[in-house]
Amino acid sequence: MTPLGRHQKEDRQLKLIVATIKPYKLEDVREALTGIGVRGMMVSEIKGFGAQSGHTEIYRGAEYAVNFVPKIKLEIAVSADMADSVIETIETTARTGKIGDGKIFVLDLAQVVRVRTGETGQDAL
């Protein structure tokens, strides 16, 4: 049997939350998520643009268009019953009310495997 088939029913109850936030909000968001029981996350430094479409900067007297803005990407795998509280925590903690606060995407996880032990599903989180 393939690894995907072993725990398919159980694994449908897992969510992957992908959020982009402003870099200076990372520590606040991490602390808030740890406070509600999130046990791990992946963090990447990324660049992107949305509604703000970048900005201009002056370097050595010349003006340059900066089309990609620095952001932080969080990837958090959680059980489906915890997803709403994770989303709400990110949303309230990362919000400044200004353009560029970020986005949150929620995806179904088909499978999770802990490499060290071979555990799958909820046990792998």
PDB file of N, CA and C in Angstrom:
ATOM      1  N   MET A   1       0.842  -1.177   0.000  1.00  0.00           N
ATOM      2  CA  MET A   1       0.000   0.000   0.000  1.00  0.00           C
ATOM      3  C   MET A   1       0.895   1.250   0.000  1.00  0.00           C
ATOM      4  N   THR A   2       0.522   2.263  -0.725  1.00  0.00           N
ATOM      5  CA  THR A   2       1.327   3.477  -0.797  1.00  0.00           C
ATOM      6  C   THR A   2       1.191   4.274   0.491  1.00  0.00           C
ATOM      7  N   PRO A   3       2.192   5.083   0.837  1.00  0.00           N
ATOM      8  CA  PRO A   3       2.102   5.890   2.054  1.00  0.00           C
ATOM      9  C   PRO A   3       0.872   6.793   2.068  1.00  0.00           C
ATOM     10  N   LEU A   4       0.461   7.290   0.913  1.00  0.00           N
ATOM     11  CA  LEU A   4      -0.697   8.173   0.864  1.00  0.00           C
ATOM     12  C   LEU A   4      -1.965   7.424   1.241  1.00  0.00           C
ATOM     13  N   GLY A   5      -2.052   6.167   0.890  1.00  0.00           N
ATOM     14  CA  GLY A   5      -3.253   5.395   1.167  1.00  0.00           C
ATOM     15  C   GLY A   5      -3.359   4.919   2.603  1.00  0.00           C
ATOM     16  N   ARG A   6      -2.253   4.819   3.318  1.00  0.00           N
ATOM     17  CA  ARG A   6      -2.271   4.264   4.671  1.00  0.00           C
ATOM     18  C   ARG A   6      -3.161   5.030   5.635  1.00  0.00           C
ATOM     19  N   HIS A   7      -3.081   6.337   5.607  1.00  0.00           N
ATOM     20  CA  HIS A   7      -3.813   7.148   6.588  1.00  0.00           C
ATOM     21  C   HIS A   7      -4.612   8.253   5.909  1.00  0.00           C
ATOM     22  N   GLN A   8      -5.143   7.954   4.751  1.00  0.00           N
ATOM     23  CA  GLN A   8      -5.794   8.987   3.966  1.00  0.00           C
ATOM     24  C   GLN A   8      -6.956   9.648   4.711  1.00  0.00           C
ATOM     25  N   LYS A   9      -7.809   8.875   5.385  1.00  0.00           N
ATOM     26  CA  LYS A   9      -8.953   9.456   6.074  1.00  0.00           C
ATOM     27  C   LYS A   9      -8.501  10.395   7.192  1.00  0.00           C
ATOM     28  N   GLU A  10      -7.553   9.951   7.998  1.00  0.00           N
ATOM     29  CA  GLU A  10      -7.048  10.756   9.104  1.00  0.00           C
ATOM     30  C   GLU A  10      -6.406  12.045   8.597  1.00  0.00           C
ATOM     31  N   ASP A  11      -5.614  11.950   7.529  1.00  0.00           N
ATOM     32  CA  ASP A  11      -4.857  13.091   7.042  1.00  0.00           C
ATOM     33  C   ASP A  11      -5.717  14.171   6.416  1.00  0.00           C
ATOM     34  N   ARG A  12      -6.943  13.848   6.023  1.00  0.00           N
ATOM     35  CA  ARG A  12      -7.822  14.875   5.462  1.00  0.00           C
ATOM     36  C   ARG A  12      -8.215  15.901   6.512  1.00  0.00           C
ATOM     37  N   GLN A  13      -7.956  15.606   7.753  1.00  0.00           N
ATOM     38  CA  GLN A  13      -8.309  16.514   8.829  1.00  0.00           C
ATOM     39  C   GLN A  13      -7.155  17.443   9.179  1.00  0.00           C
ATOM     40  N   LEU A  14      -6.153  17.510   8.313  1.00  0.00           N
ATOM     41  CA  LEU A  14      -5.001  18.379   8.537  1.00  0.00           C
ATOM     42  C   LEU A  14      -5.046  19.555   7.570  1.00  0.00           C
ATOM     43  N   LYS A  15      -4.543  20.689   8.020  1.00  0.00           N
ATOM     44  CA  LYS A  15      -4.502  21.905   7.202  1.00  0.00           C
ATOM     45  C   LYS A  15      -3.089  22.451   7.174  1.00  0.00           C
ATOM     46  N   LEU A  16      -2.743  23.052   6.051  1.00  0.00           N
ATOM     47  CA  LEU A  16      -1.495  23.792   5.930  1.00  0.00           C
ATOM     48  C   LEU A  16      -1.876  25.252   5.807  1.00  0.00           C
ATOM     49  N   ILE A  17      -1.423  26.043   6.744  1.00  0.00           N
ATOM     50  CA  ILE A  17      -1.690  27.479   6.724  1.00  0.00           C
ATOM     51  C   ILE A  17      -0.423  28.168   6.260  1.00  0.00           C
ATOM     52  N   VAL A  18      -0.548  28.917   5.171  1.00  0.00           N
ATOM     53  CA  VAL A  18       0.565  29.671   4.608  1.00  0.00           C
ATOM     54  C   VAL A  18       0.205  31.146   4.752  1.00  0.00           C
ATOM     55  N   ALA A  19       1.050  31.880   5.450  1.00  0.00           N
ATOM     56  CA  ALA A  19       0.763  33.292   5.692  1.00  0.00           C
ATOM     57  C   ALA A  19       1.961  34.135   5.304  1.00  0.00           C
ATOM     58  N   THR A  20       1.689  35.296   4.734  1.00  0.00           N
ATOM     59  CA  THR A  20       2.738  36.281   4.496  1.00  0.00           C
ATOM     60  C   THR A  20       2.474  37.448   5.429  1.00  0.00           C
ATOM     61  N   ILE A  21       3.539  37.905   6.085  1.00  0.00           N
ATOM     62  CA  ILE A  21       3.419  39.002   7.047  1.00  0.00           C
ATOM     63  C   ILE A  21       4.597  39.949   6.881  1.00  0.00           C
ATOM     64  N   LYS A  22       4.488  41.112   7.515  1.00  0.00           N
ATOM     65  CA  LYS A  22       5.604  42.057   7.523  1.00  0.00           C
ATOM     66  C   LYS A  22       6.711  41.498   8.410  1.00  0.00           C
ATOM     67  N   PRO A  23       7.977  41.673   8.000  1.00  0.00           N
ATOM     68  CA  PRO A  23       9.087  41.090   8.762  1.00  0.00           C
ATOM     69  C   PRO A  23       9.129  41.473  10.235  1.00  0.00           C
ATOM     70  N   TYR A  24       8.825  42.713  10.572  1.00  0.00           N
ATOM     71  CA  TYR A  24       8.934  43.131  11.966  1.00  0.00           C
ATOM     72  C   TYR A  24       7.822  42.554  12.846  1.00  0.00           C
ATOM     73  N   LYS A  25       6.831  41.892  12.248  1.00  0.00           N
ATOM     74  CA  LYS A  25       5.748  41.266  13.006  1.00  0.00           C
ATOM     75  C   LYS A  25       6.039  39.805  13.354  1.00  0.00           C
ATOM     76  N   LEU A  26       7.136  39.257  12.842  1.00  0.00           N
ATOM     77  CA  LEU A  26       7.420  37.832  13.007  1.00  0.00           C
ATOM     78  C   LEU A  26       7.455  37.400  14.466  1.00  0.00           C
ATOM     79  N   GLU A  27       8.206  38.077  15.297  1.00  0.00           N
ATOM     80  CA  GLU A  27       8.350  37.635  16.688  1.00  0.00           C
ATOM     81  C   GLU A  27       7.033  37.713  17.443  1.00  0.00           C
ATOM     82  N   ASP A  28       6.253  38.767  17.210  1.00  0.00           N
ATOM     83  CA  ASP A  28       4.935  38.882  17.850  1.00  0.00           C
ATOM     84  C   ASP A  28       4.028  37.723  17.442  1.00  0.00           C
ATOM     85  N   VAL A  29       4.025  37.410  16.143  1.00  0.00           N
ATOM     86  CA  VAL A  29       3.180  36.327  15.639  1.00  0.00           C
ATOM     87  C   VAL A  29       3.652  34.988  16.191  1.00  0.00           C
ATOM     88  N   ARG A  30       4.962  34.770  16.212  1.00  0.00           N
ATOM     89  CA  ARG A  30       5.494  33.505  16.746  1.00  0.00           C
ATOM     90  C   ARG A  30       5.093  33.316  18.205  1.00  0.00           C
ATOM     91  N   GLU A  31       5.243  34.358  19.007  1.00  0.00           N
ATOM     92  CA  GLU A  31       4.872  34.268  20.419  1.00  0.00           C
ATOM     93  C   GLU A  31       3.386  33.987  20.590  1.00  0.00           C
ATOM     94  N   ALA A  32       2.554  34.665  19.806  1.00  0.00           N
ATOM     95  CA  ALA A  32       1.102  34.465  19.905  1.00  0.00           C
ATOM     96  C   ALA A  32       0.714  33.041  19.490  1.00  0.00           C
ATOM     97  N   LEU A  33       1.325  32.525  18.426  1.00  0.00           N
ATOM     98  CA  LEU A  33       1.017  31.167  17.980  1.00  0.00           C
ATOM     99  C   LEU A  33       1.489  30.128  18.988  1.00  0.00           C
ATOM    100  N   THR A  34       2.657  30.333  19.560  1.00  0.00           N
ATOM    101  CA  THR A  34       3.149  29.422  20.597  1.00  0.00           C
ATOM    102  C   THR A  34       2.190  29.444  21.787  1.00  0.00           C
ATOM    103  N   GLY A  35       1.658  30.608  22.085  1.00  0.00           N
ATOM    104  CA  GLY A  35       0.722  30.757  23.199  1.00  0.00           C
ATOM    105  C   GLY A  35      -0.576  29.997  23.028  1.00  0.00           C
ATOM    106  N   ILE A  36      -0.993  29.744  21.778  1.00  0.00           N
ATOM    107  CA  ILE A  36      -2.233  28.983  21.561  1.00  0.00           C
ATOM    108  C   ILE A  36      -1.957  27.505  21.289  1.00  0.00           C
ATOM    109  N   GLY A  37      -0.673  27.110  21.366  1.00  0.00           N
ATOM    110  CA  GLY A  37      -0.364  25.695  21.248  1.00  0.00           C
ATOM    111  C   GLY A  37       0.261  25.232  19.948  1.00  0.00           C
ATOM    112  N   VAL A  38       0.630  26.150  19.071  1.00  0.00           N
ATOM    113  CA  VAL A  38       1.324  25.748  17.838  1.00  0.00           C
ATOM    114  C   VAL A  38       2.715  25.262  18.227  1.00  0.00           C
ATOM    115  N   ARG A  39       3.053  24.049  17.784  1.00  0.00           N
ATOM    116  CA  ARG A  39       4.306  23.427  18.211  1.00  0.00           C
ATOM    117  C   ARG A  39       5.442  23.598  17.214  1.00  0.00           C
ATOM    118  N   GLY A  40       5.161  24.089  16.033  1.00  0.00           N
ATOM    119  CA  GLY A  40       6.224  24.292  15.063  1.00  0.00           C
ATOM    120  C   GLY A  40       5.735  25.032  13.839  1.00  0.00           C
ATOM    121  N   MET A  41       6.666  25.623  13.135  1.00  0.00           N
ATOM    122  CA  MET A  41       6.348  26.323  11.893  1.00  0.00           C
ATOM    123  C   MET A  41       7.616  26.471  11.086  1.00  0.00           C
ATOM    124  N   MET A  42       7.456  26.688   9.806  1.00  0.00           N
ATOM    125  CA  MET A  42       8.586  26.998   8.935  1.00  0.00           C
ATOM    126  C   MET A  42       8.490  28.470   8.574  1.00  0.00           C
ATOM    127  N   VAL A  43       9.632  29.137   8.548  1.00  0.00           N
ATOM    128  CA  VAL A  43       9.685  30.566   8.261  1.00  0.00           C
ATOM    129  C   VAL A  43      10.675  30.794   7.125  1.00  0.00           C
ATOM    130  N   SER A  44      10.255  31.562   6.125  1.00  0.00           N
ATOM    131  CA  SER A  44      11.120  31.904   4.995  1.00  0.00           C
ATOM    132  C   SER A  44      11.082  33.407   4.773  1.00  0.00           C
ATOM    133  N   GLU A  45      12.223  33.957   4.400  1.00  0.00           N
ATOM    134  CA  GLU A  45      12.260  35.351   3.960  1.00  0.00           C
ATOM    135  C   GLU A  45      11.968  35.347   2.477  1.00  0.00           C
ATOM    136  N   ILE A  46      10.979  36.115   2.071  1.00  0.00           N
ATOM    137  CA  ILE A  46      10.571  36.160   0.672  1.00  0.00           C
ATOM    138  C   ILE A  46      10.443  37.608   0.227  1.00  0.00           C
ATOM    139  N   LYS A  47      10.229  37.786  -1.049  1.00  0.00           N
ATOM    140  CA  LYS A  47       9.906  39.097  -1.599  1.00  0.00           C
ATOM    141  C   LYS A  47       8.673  38.933  -2.453  1.00  0.00           C
ATOM    142  N   GLY A  48       7.830  39.935  -2.449  1.00  0.00           N
ATOM    143  CA  GLY A  48       6.615  39.864  -3.252  1.00  0.00           C
ATOM    144  C   GLY A  48       5.971  41.222  -3.373  1.00  0.00           C
ATOM    145  N   PHE A  49       4.857  41.244  -4.055  1.00  0.00           N
ATOM    146  CA  PHE A  49       4.086  42.475  -4.121  1.00  0.00           C
ATOM    147  C   PHE A  49       2.617  42.124  -4.240  1.00  0.00           C
ATOM    148  N   GLY A  50       1.813  43.039  -3.801  1.00  0.00           N
ATOM    149  CA  GLY A  50       0.364  42.897  -3.867  1.00  0.00           C
ATOM    150  C   GLY A  50      -0.200  44.244  -4.236  1.00  0.00           C
ATOM    151  N   ALA A  51      -1.151  44.687  -3.459  1.00  0.00           N
ATOM    152  CA  ALA A  51      -1.810  45.958  -3.747  1.00  0.00           C
ATOM    153  C   ALA A  51      -0.857  47.137  -3.706  1.00  0.00           C
ATOM    154  N   GLN A  52       0.210  47.042  -2.872  1.00  0.00           N
ATOM    155  CA  GLN A  52       1.109  48.182  -2.762  1.00  0.00           C
ATOM    156  C   GLN A  52       2.021  48.339  -3.975  1.00  0.00           C
ATOM    157  N   SER A  53       2.207  47.278  -4.767  1.00  0.00           N
ATOM    158  CA  SER A  53       2.973  47.312  -6.016  1.00  0.00           C
ATOM    159  C   SER A  53       4.376  47.888  -5.871  1.00  0.00           C
ATOM    160  N   GLY A  54       5.013  47.685  -4.745  1.00  0.00           N
ATOM    161  CA  GLY A  54       6.388  48.150  -4.570  1.00  0.00           C
ATOM    162  C   GLY A  54       6.457  49.626  -4.226  1.00  0.00           C
ATOM    163  N   HIS A  55       7.659  50.180  -4.296  1.00  0.00           N
ATOM    164  CA  HIS A  55       7.885  51.584  -3.965  1.00  0.00           C
ATOM    165  C   HIS A  55       9.179  52.037  -4.620  1.00  0.00           C
ATOM    166  N   THR A  56       9.506  53.318  -4.466  1.00  0.00           N
ATOM    167  CA  THR A  56      10.755  53.828  -5.030  1.00  0.00           C
ATOM    168  C   THR A  56      11.714  54.174  -3.892  1.00  0.00           C
ATOM    169  N   GLU A  57      13.011  54.004  -4.160  1.00  0.00           N
ATOM    170  CA  GLU A  57      14.062  54.368  -3.217  1.00  0.00           C
ATOM    171  C   GLU A  57      15.113  55.168  -3.955  1.00  0.00           C
ATOM    172  N   ILE A  58      15.861  55.961  -3.210  1.00  0.00           N
ATOM    173  CA  ILE A  58      16.953  56.742  -3.804  1.00  0.00           C
ATOM    174  C   ILE A  58      18.268  56.158  -3.318  1.00  0.00           C
ATOM    175  N   TYR A  59      19.150  55.815  -4.265  1.00  0.00           N
ATOM    176  CA  TYR A  59      20.454  55.257  -3.949  1.00  0.00           C
ATOM    177  C   TYR A  59      21.495  56.047  -4.713  1.00  0.00           C
ATOM    178  N   ARG A  60      22.414  56.677  -3.986  1.00  0.00           N
ATOM    179  CA  ARG A  60      23.461  57.517  -4.590  1.00  0.00           C
ATOM    180  C   ARG A  60      22.887  58.531  -5.574  1.00  0.00           C
ATOM    181  N   GLY A  61      21.813  59.155  -5.169  1.00  0.00           N
ATOM    182  CA  GLY A  61      21.220  60.221  -5.954  1.00  0.00           C
ATOM    183  C   GLY A  61      20.307  59.781  -7.078  1.00  0.00           C
ATOM    184  N   ALA A  62      20.223  58.495  -7.344  1.00  0.00           N
ATOM    185  CA  ALA A  62      19.344  58.008  -8.419  1.00  0.00           C
ATOM    186  C   ALA A  62      18.130  57.300  -7.812  1.00  0.00           C
ATOM    187  N   GLU A  63      16.993  57.495  -8.441  1.00  0.00           N
ATOM    188  CA  GLU A  63      15.760  56.875  -7.958  1.00  0.00           C
ATOM    189  C   GLU A  63      15.577  55.515  -8.618  1.00  0.00           C
ATOM    190  N   TYR A  64      15.274  54.511  -7.809  1.00  0.00           N
ATOM    191  CA  TYR A  64      15.072  53.147  -8.313  1.00  0.00           C
ATOM    192  C   TYR A  64      13.697  52.640  -7.883  1.00  0.00           C
ATOM    193  N   ALA A  65      13.069  51.916  -8.761  1.00  0.00           N
ATOM    194  CA  ALA A  65      11.805  51.269  -8.425  1.00  0.00           C
ATOM    195  C   ALA A  65      12.107  49.937  -7.745  1.00  0.00           C
ATOM    196  N   VAL A  66      11.521  49.744  -6.588  1.00  0.00           N
ATOM    197  CA  VAL A  66      11.642  48.466  -5.874  1.00  0.00           C
ATOM    198  C   VAL A  66      10.290  47.776  -6.022  1.00  0.00           C
ATOM    199  N   ASN A  67      10.240  46.806  -6.934  1.00  0.00           N
ATOM    200  CA  ASN A  67       8.965  46.175  -7.256  1.00  0.00           C
ATOM    201  C   ASN A  67       8.591  45.048  -6.304  1.00  0.00           C
ATOM    202  N   PHE A  68       9.565  44.486  -5.599  1.00  0.00           N
ATOM    203  CA  PHE A  68       9.286  43.410  -4.672  1.00  0.00           C
ATOM    204  C   PHE A  68       9.618  43.867  -3.259  1.00  0.00           C
ATOM    205  N   VAL A  69       8.676  43.665  -2.362  1.00  0.00           N
ATOM    206  CA  VAL A  69       8.794  44.119  -0.989  1.00  0.00           C
ATOM    207  C   VAL A  69       9.167  42.927  -0.101  1.00  0.00           C
ATOM    208  N   PRO A  70      10.098  43.087   0.842  1.00  0.00           N
ATOM    209  CA  PRO A  70      10.449  41.988   1.742  1.00  0.00           C
ATOM    210  C   PRO A  70       9.246  41.566   2.592  1.00  0.00           C
ATOM    211  N   LYS A  71       9.043  40.270   2.697  1.00  0.00           N
ATOM    212  CA  LYS A  71       7.967  39.686   3.505  1.00  0.00           C
ATOM    213  C   LYS A  71       8.506  38.461   4.215  1.00  0.00           C
ATOM    214  N   ILE A  72       7.752  37.968   5.153  1.00  0.00           N
ATOM    215  CA  ILE A  72       8.035  36.703   5.822  1.00  0.00           C
ATOM    216  C   ILE A  72       6.912  35.744   5.459  1.00  0.00           C
ATOM    217  N   LYS A  73       7.286  34.519   5.090  1.00  0.00           N
ATOM    218  CA  LYS A  73       6.283  33.489   4.812  1.00  0.00           C
ATOM    219  C   LYS A  73       6.320  32.465   5.935  1.00  0.00           C
ATOM    220  N   LEU A  74       5.165  32.221   6.539  1.00  0.00           N
ATOM    221  CA  LEU A  74       5.002  31.206   7.568  1.00  0.00           C
ATOM    222  C   LEU A  74       4.264  30.028   6.966  1.00  0.00           C
ATOM    223  N   GLU A  75       4.706  28.819   7.290  1.00  0.00           N
ATOM    224  CA  GLU A  75       4.005  27.605   6.890  1.00  0.00           C
ATOM    225  C   GLU A  75       3.769  26.800   8.160  1.00  0.00           C
ATOM    226  N   ILE A  76       2.495  26.555   8.447  1.00  0.00           N
ATOM    227  CA  ILE A  76       2.126  25.919   9.709  1.00  0.00           C
ATOM    228  C   ILE A  76       1.155  24.787   9.412  1.00  0.00           C
ATOM    229  N   ALA A  77       1.520  23.569   9.791  1.00  0.00           N
ATOM    230  CA  ALA A  77       0.634  22.407   9.641  1.00  0.00           C
ATOM    231  C   ALA A  77      -0.066  22.180  10.975  1.00  0.00           C
ATOM    232  N   VAL A  78      -1.401  22.127  10.928  1.00  0.00           N
ATOM    233  CA  VAL A  78      -2.189  21.952  12.156  1.00  0.00           C
ATOM    234  C   VAL A  78      -3.376  21.038  11.876  1.00  0.00           C
ATOM    235  N   SER A  79      -3.992  20.558  12.947  1.00  0.00           N
ATOM    236  CA  SER A  79      -5.236  19.811  12.793  1.00  0.00           C
ATOM    237  C   SER A  79      -6.324  20.789  12.356  1.00  0.00           C
ATOM    238  N   ALA A  80      -7.320  20.268  11.660  1.00  0.00           N
ATOM    239  CA  ALA A  80      -8.386  21.124  11.131  1.00  0.00           C
ATOM    240  C   ALA A  80      -9.115  21.870  12.241  1.00  0.00           C
ATOM    241  N   ASP A  81      -9.270  21.243  13.416  1.00  0.00           N
ATOM    242  CA  ASP A  81      -9.995  21.915  14.493  1.00  0.00           C
ATOM    243  C   ASP A  81      -9.204  23.072  15.099  1.00  0.00           C
ATOM    244  N   MET A  82      -7.910  23.149  14.833  1.00  0.00           N
ATOM    245  CA  MET A  82      -7.085  24.244  15.348  1.00  0.00           C
ATOM    246  C   MET A  82      -6.904  25.361  14.313  1.00  0.00           C
ATOM    247  N   ALA A  83      -7.265  25.102  13.064  1.00  0.00           N
ATOM    248  CA  ALA A  83      -6.984  26.040  11.966  1.00  0.00           C
ATOM    249  C   ALA A  83      -7.601  27.420  12.193  1.00  0.00           C
ATOM    250  N   ASP A  84      -8.862  27.482  12.615  1.00  0.00           N
ATOM    251  CA  ASP A  84      -9.510  28.785  12.787  1.00  0.00           C
ATOM    252  C   ASP A  84      -8.812  29.641  13.833  1.00  0.00           C
ATOM    253  N   SER A  85      -8.384  29.029  14.938  1.00  0.00           N
ATOM    254  CA  SER A  85      -7.708  29.829  15.963  1.00  0.00           C
ATOM    255  C   SER A  85      -6.331  30.287  15.492  1.00  0.00           C
ATOM    256  N   VAL A  86      -5.639  29.477  14.681  1.00  0.00           N
ATOM    257  CA  VAL A  86      -4.349  29.885  14.121  1.00  0.00           C
ATOM    258  C   VAL A  86      -4.541  31.064  13.164  1.00  0.00           C
ATOM    259  N   ILE A  87      -5.534  30.967  12.303  1.00  0.00           N
ATOM    260  CA  ILE A  87      -5.823  32.045  11.351  1.00  0.00           C
ATOM    261  C   ILE A  87      -6.158  33.337  12.093  1.00  0.00           C
ATOM    262  N   GLU A  88      -7.032  33.245  13.078  1.00  0.00           N
ATOM    263  CA  GLU A  88      -7.428  34.429  13.841  1.00  0.00           C
ATOM    264  C   GLU A  88      -6.238  35.041  14.577  1.00  0.00           C
ATOM    265  N   THR A  89      -5.372  34.203  15.130  1.00  0.00           N
ATOM    266  CA  THR A  89      -4.199  34.695  15.854  1.00  0.00           C
ATOM    267  C   THR A  89      -3.243  35.425  14.915  1.00  0.00           C
ATOM    268  N   ILE A  90      -2.982  34.844  13.746  1.00  0.00           N
ATOM    269  CA  ILE A  90      -2.110  35.516  12.774  1.00  0.00           C
ATOM    270  C   ILE A  90      -2.738  36.828  12.340  1.00  0.00           C
ATOM    271  N   GLU A  91      -4.015  36.775  12.020  1.00  0.00           N
ATOM    272  CA  GLU A  91      -4.716  37.959  11.516  1.00  0.00           C
ATOM    273  C   GLU A  91      -4.673  39.114  12.515  1.00  0.00           C
ATOM    274  N   THR A  92      -4.971  38.848  13.764  1.00  0.00           N
ATOM    275  CA  THR A  92      -5.003  39.933  14.749  1.00  0.00           C
ATOM    276  C   THR A  92      -3.609  40.396  15.155  1.00  0.00           C
ATOM    277  N   THR A  93      -2.650  39.483  15.199  1.00  0.00           N
ATOM    278  CA  THR A  93      -1.300  39.848  15.641  1.00  0.00           C
ATOM    279  C   THR A  93      -0.518  40.563  14.543  1.00  0.00           C
ATOM    280  N   ALA A  94      -0.712  40.181  13.292  1.00  0.00           N
ATOM    281  CA  ALA A  94       0.054  40.767  12.184  1.00  0.00           C
ATOM    282  C   ALA A  94      -0.568  42.052  11.640  1.00  0.00           C
ATOM    283  N   ARG A  95      -1.795  42.319  12.001  1.00  0.00           N
ATOM    284  CA  ARG A  95      -2.504  43.473  11.423  1.00  0.00           C
ATOM    285  C   ARG A  95      -1.967  44.798  11.946  1.00  0.00           C
ATOM    286  N   THR A  96      -1.632  45.689  10.996  1.00  0.00           N
ATOM    287  CA  THR A  96      -1.271  47.064  11.350  1.00  0.00           C
ATOM    288  C   THR A  96      -2.343  48.029  10.864  1.00  0.00           C
ATOM    289  N   GLY A  97      -3.184  47.549   9.946  1.00  0.00           N
ATOM    290  CA  GLY A  97      -4.203  48.408   9.358  1.00  0.00           C
ATOM    291  C   GLY A  97      -3.701  49.157   8.143  1.00  0.00           C
ATOM    292  N   LYS A  98      -2.454  48.916   7.780  1.00  0.00           N
ATOM    293  CA  LYS A  98      -1.868  49.585   6.623  1.00  0.00           C
ATOM    294  C   LYS A  98      -1.700  48.584   5.490  1.00  0.00           C
ATOM    295  N   ILE A  99      -1.553  49.106   4.293  1.00  0.00           N
ATOM    296  CA  ILE A  99      -1.370  48.264   3.124  1.00  0.00           C
ATOM    297  C   ILE A  99      -0.125  47.393   3.288  1.00  0.00           C
ATOM    298  N   GLY A 100      -0.191  46.154   2.826  1.00  0.00           N
ATOM    299  CA  GLY A 100       0.952  45.258   2.893  1.00  0.00           C
ATOM    300  C   GLY A 100       0.990  44.383   4.132  1.00  0.00           C
ATOM    301  N   ASP A 101      -0.115  44.316   4.883  1.00  0.00           N
ATOM    302  CA  ASP A 101      -0.140  43.481   6.091  1.00  0.00           C
ATOM    303  C   ASP A 101       0.002  41.992   5.771  1.00  0.00           C
ATOM    304  N   GLY A 102      -0.357  41.574   4.571  1.00  0.00           N
ATOM    305  CA  GLY A 102      -0.135  40.189   4.180  1.00  0.00           C
ATOM    306  C   GLY A 102      -1.394  39.451   3.799  1.00  0.00           C
ATOM    307  N   LYS A 103      -1.242  38.142   3.649  1.00  0.00           N
ATOM    308  CA  LYS A 103      -2.339  37.251   3.255  1.00  0.00           C
ATOM    309  C   LYS A 103      -2.205  35.949   4.032  1.00  0.00           C
ATOM    310  N   ILE A 104      -3.315  35.219   4.138  1.00  0.00           N
ATOM    311  CA  ILE A 104      -3.325  33.895   4.751  1.00  0.00           C
ATOM    312  C   ILE A 104      -4.028  32.952   3.784  1.00  0.00           C
ATOM    313  N   PHE A 105      -3.368  31.833   3.486  1.00  0.00           N
ATOM    314  CA  PHE A 105      -3.933  30.803   2.616  1.00  0.00           C
ATOM    315  C   PHE A 105      -4.082  29.531   3.442  1.00  0.00           C
ATOM    316  N   VAL A 106      -5.184  28.814   3.242  1.00  0.00           N
ATOM    317  CA  VAL A 106      -5.427  27.574   3.972  1.00  0.00           C
ATOM    318  C   VAL A 106      -5.630  26.456   2.950  1.00  0.00           C
ATOM    319  N   LEU A 107      -4.809  25.402   3.100  1.00  0.00           N
ATOM    320  CA  LEU A 107      -4.865  24.276   2.162  1.00  0.00           C
ATOM    321  C   LEU A 107      -5.088  22.981   2.931  1.00  0.00           C
ATOM    322  N   ASP A 108      -5.748  22.020   2.287  1.00  0.00           N
ATOM    323  CA  ASP A 108      -5.868  20.684   2.852  1.00  0.00           C
ATOM    324  C   ASP A 108      -4.543  19.964   2.666  1.00  0.00           C
ATOM    325  N   LEU A 109      -4.137  19.228   3.697  1.00  0.00           N
ATOM    326  CA  LEU A 109      -2.916  18.421   3.620  1.00  0.00           C
ATOM    327  C   LEU A 109      -3.305  16.973   3.333  1.00  0.00           C
ATOM    328  N   ALA A 110      -2.751  16.407   2.293  1.00  0.00           N
ATOM    329  CA  ALA A 110      -3.044  15.017   1.953  1.00  0.00           C
ATOM    330  C   ALA A 110      -2.244  14.056   2.821  1.00  0.00           C
ATOM    331  N   GLN A 111      -1.048  14.449   3.259  1.00  0.00           N
ATOM    332  CA  GLN A 111      -0.185  13.538   3.989  1.00  0.00           C
ATOM    333  C   GLN A 111       0.883  14.325   4.733  1.00  0.00           C
ATOM    334  N   VAL A 112       1.215  13.857   5.917  1.00  0.00           N
ATOM    335  CA  VAL A 112       2.335  14.385   6.683  1.00  0.00           C
ATOM    336  C   VAL A 112       3.120  13.189   7.197  1.00  0.00           C
ATOM    337  N   VAL A 113       4.443  13.230   7.027  1.00  0.00           N
ATOM    338  CA  VAL A 113       5.290  12.148   7.505  1.00  0.00           C
ATOM    339  C   VAL A 113       6.464  12.747   8.265  1.00  0.00           C
ATOM    340  N   ARG A 114       6.680  12.277   9.488  1.00  0.00           N
ATOM    341  CA  ARG A 114       7.871  12.686  10.241  1.00  0.00           C
ATOM    342  C   ARG A 114       9.013  11.787   9.764  1.00  0.00           C
ATOM    343  N   VAL A 115      10.025  12.370   9.177  1.00  0.00           N
ATOM    344  CA  VAL A 115      11.112  11.616   8.560  1.00  0.00           C
ATOM    345  C   VAL A 115      11.831  10.735   9.573  1.00  0.00           C
ATOM    346  N   ARG A 116      12.133  11.266  10.745  1.00  0.00           N
ATOM    347  CA  ARG A 116      12.910  10.526  11.742  1.00  0.00           C
ATOM    348  C   ARG A 116      12.228   9.248  12.200  1.00  0.00           C
ATOM    349  N   THR A 117      10.898   9.303  12.437  1.00  0.00           N
ATOM    350  CA  THR A 117      10.203   8.162  13.030  1.00  0.00           C
ATOM    351  C   THR A 117       9.276   7.424  12.074  1.00  0.00           C
ATOM    352  N   GLY A 118       8.910   8.058  10.967  1.00  0.00           N
ATOM    353  CA  GLY A 118       7.935   7.462  10.063  1.00  0.00           C
ATOM    354  C   GLY A 118       6.506   7.694  10.479  1.00  0.00           C
ATOM    355  N   GLU A 119       6.288   8.438  11.573  1.00  0.00           N
ATOM    356  CA  GLU A 119       4.921   8.731  12.007  1.00  0.00           C
ATOM    357  C   GLU A 119       4.214   9.521  10.914  1.00  0.00           C
ATOM    358  N   THR A 120       2.895   9.347  10.828  1.00  0.00           N
ATOM    359  CA  THR A 120       2.107  10.044   9.816  1.00  0.00           C
ATOM    360  C   THR A 120       0.920  10.748  10.454  1.00  0.00           C
ATOM    361  N   GLY A 121       0.283  11.604   9.679  1.00  0.00           N
ATOM    362  CA  GLY A 121      -0.925  12.296  10.136  1.00  0.00           C
ATOM    363  C   GLY A 121      -0.674  13.165  11.348  1.00  0.00           C
ATOM    364  N   GLN A 122      -1.656  13.195  12.252  1.00  0.00           N
ATOM    365  CA  GLN A 122      -1.574  14.017  13.462  1.00  0.00           C
ATOM    366  C   GLN A 122      -0.320  13.714  14.272  1.00  0.00           C
ATOM    367  N   ASP A 123       0.069  12.452  14.313  1.00  0.00           N
ATOM    368  CA  ASP A 123       1.246  12.061  15.097  1.00  0.00           C
ATOM    369  C   ASP A 123       2.530  12.694  14.569  1.00  0.00           C
ATOM    370  N   ALA A 124       2.557  13.055  13.296  1.00  0.00           N
ATOM    371  CA  ALA A 124       3.751  13.636  12.688  1.00  0.00           C
ATOM    372  C   ALA A 124       3.874  15.130  12.969  1.00  0.00           C
ATOM    373  N   LEU A 125       2.797  15.749  13.431  1.00  0.00           N
ATOM    374  CA  LEU A 125       2.860  17.176  13.707  1.00  0.00           C
ATOM    375  C   LEU A 125       3.610  17.419  14.995  1.00  0.00           C
TER     376      LEU A 125
END
